[in-house]
Protein backbone atom coordinates (compact mmCIF):
# COMPACT_ATOMS: atom_id res chain seq x y z
CA MET A 1 97.11 91.48 109.28
CA ASP A 2 98.02 88.37 107.34
CA LEU A 3 100.32 89.02 104.38
CA ARG A 4 100.76 85.37 103.39
CA ASP A 5 98.69 85.85 100.24
CA VAL A 6 100.84 88.75 99.02
CA THR A 7 102.80 87.75 95.93
CA GLY A 8 104.60 91.00 95.17
CA PHE A 9 104.55 94.76 94.86
CA GLU A 10 102.77 97.16 92.50
CA TRP A 11 105.13 99.87 91.24
CA ASP A 12 104.63 102.62 88.67
CA ASP A 13 106.36 105.91 87.88
CA GLY A 14 104.41 107.68 90.61
CA ASN A 15 105.27 105.50 93.57
CA LEU A 16 108.77 104.60 92.35
CA THR A 17 110.03 108.17 92.56
CA LYS A 18 107.93 109.96 95.19
CA ASN A 19 110.01 108.71 98.13
CA LYS A 20 113.23 110.27 96.85
CA LYS A 21 112.73 113.31 99.09
CA HIS A 22 113.16 110.99 102.08
CA ASN A 23 115.99 109.07 100.38
CA VAL A 24 114.03 105.81 100.51
CA LEU A 25 114.63 103.32 97.71
CA PRO A 26 111.95 100.92 96.44
CA SER A 27 114.17 97.99 97.44
CA GLU A 28 114.25 99.29 101.03
CA ILE A 29 110.46 99.49 101.10
CA GLU A 30 110.18 95.89 99.91
CA ARG A 31 112.66 94.68 102.55
CA VAL A 32 110.57 96.25 105.31
CA PHE A 33 107.84 93.72 104.49
CA MET A 34 110.28 90.79 104.55
CA ASN A 35 111.95 91.59 107.89
CA ARG A 36 110.64 91.11 111.40
CA PRO A 37 109.28 92.59 113.50
CA LEU A 38 106.75 94.21 111.20
CA LEU A 39 103.94 96.22 112.76
CA ILE A 40 100.88 96.98 110.62
CA VAL A 41 97.89 99.10 111.60
CA PRO A 42 94.93 100.44 109.62
CA ASP A 43 95.32 104.04 108.42
CA LYS A 44 91.70 105.06 108.97
CA VAL A 45 92.38 108.77 108.43
CA HIS A 46 93.53 108.23 104.81
CA SER A 47 91.26 105.33 103.85
CA GLN A 48 88.48 107.23 102.08
CA ALA A 49 89.10 106.07 98.48
CA GLU A 50 90.68 102.73 99.42
CA GLU A 51 91.71 100.91 102.57
CA ARG A 52 95.21 101.98 103.61
CA PHE A 53 97.63 100.68 106.20
CA ALA A 54 100.74 101.91 107.95
CA ALA A 55 103.68 99.57 108.44
CA LEU A 56 106.61 100.06 110.78
CA GLY A 57 109.63 97.96 109.97
CA LYS A 58 113.32 97.87 109.24
CA THR A 59 115.52 97.39 106.20
CA ASP A 60 118.41 94.95 105.93
CA GLU A 61 120.67 97.86 106.90
CA ALA A 62 118.61 98.38 110.10
CA ARG A 63 117.03 101.60 108.82
CA TRP A 64 113.65 102.03 110.53
CA LEU A 65 110.93 103.10 108.09
CA ALA A 66 107.24 103.97 108.19
CA VAL A 67 105.45 102.86 105.02
CA VAL A 68 101.88 103.70 104.03
CA PHE A 69 100.44 101.17 101.60
CA ALA A 70 97.31 99.68 100.10
CA LEU A 71 96.58 96.14 98.97
CA ARG A 72 95.64 95.65 95.32
CA GLU A 73 94.65 92.84 92.95
CA GLN A 74 92.47 90.99 95.44
CA LYS A 75 94.96 91.74 98.23
CA SER A 76 97.84 89.93 96.49
CA LYS A 77 99.95 93.03 95.76
CA VAL A 78 101.35 95.67 98.12
CA ARG A 79 101.13 99.14 96.59
CA PRO A 80 103.45 101.45 98.54
CA ILE A 81 102.05 104.98 98.76
CA SER A 82 104.73 106.71 100.84
CA ALA A 83 107.76 105.86 102.92
CA ARG A 84 109.96 107.82 105.29
CA PRO A 85 112.14 107.32 108.35
CA MET A 86 110.09 106.67 111.50
CA ASN A 87 109.47 109.65 113.75
CA ARG A 88 110.29 109.57 117.47
CA LYS A 89 106.88 108.24 118.54
CA GLU A 90 106.95 105.50 115.87
CA ARG A 91 110.49 104.48 116.89
CA LYS A 92 109.35 104.11 120.49
CA VAL A 93 106.36 101.94 119.51
CA TYR A 94 108.55 99.83 117.23
CA ALA A 95 111.28 99.40 119.84
CA GLU A 96 108.72 98.24 122.40
CA ALA A 97 107.44 95.62 119.95
CA SER A 98 110.92 94.31 119.13
């Protein structure tokens, strides 16, 4: 996936606060998209209403996160849907890609 056309993030009250249960801050989610490696795959299971993707990446503090997101405004904005620490399987896949 090419994210070169992305100019920012789409935040509202819903997606700003829903990741609190996993102690993930919006700034951490944004950093995942800036750092490398970044793995992105289609989330076909949850793409009924809109196309969704899953990203595996790390924060500046080396926290490994899994982020589900959609692209909005003609694919120029990332709209985070959920974020949480990677599970064991995701960590293995991410480590192999690093």
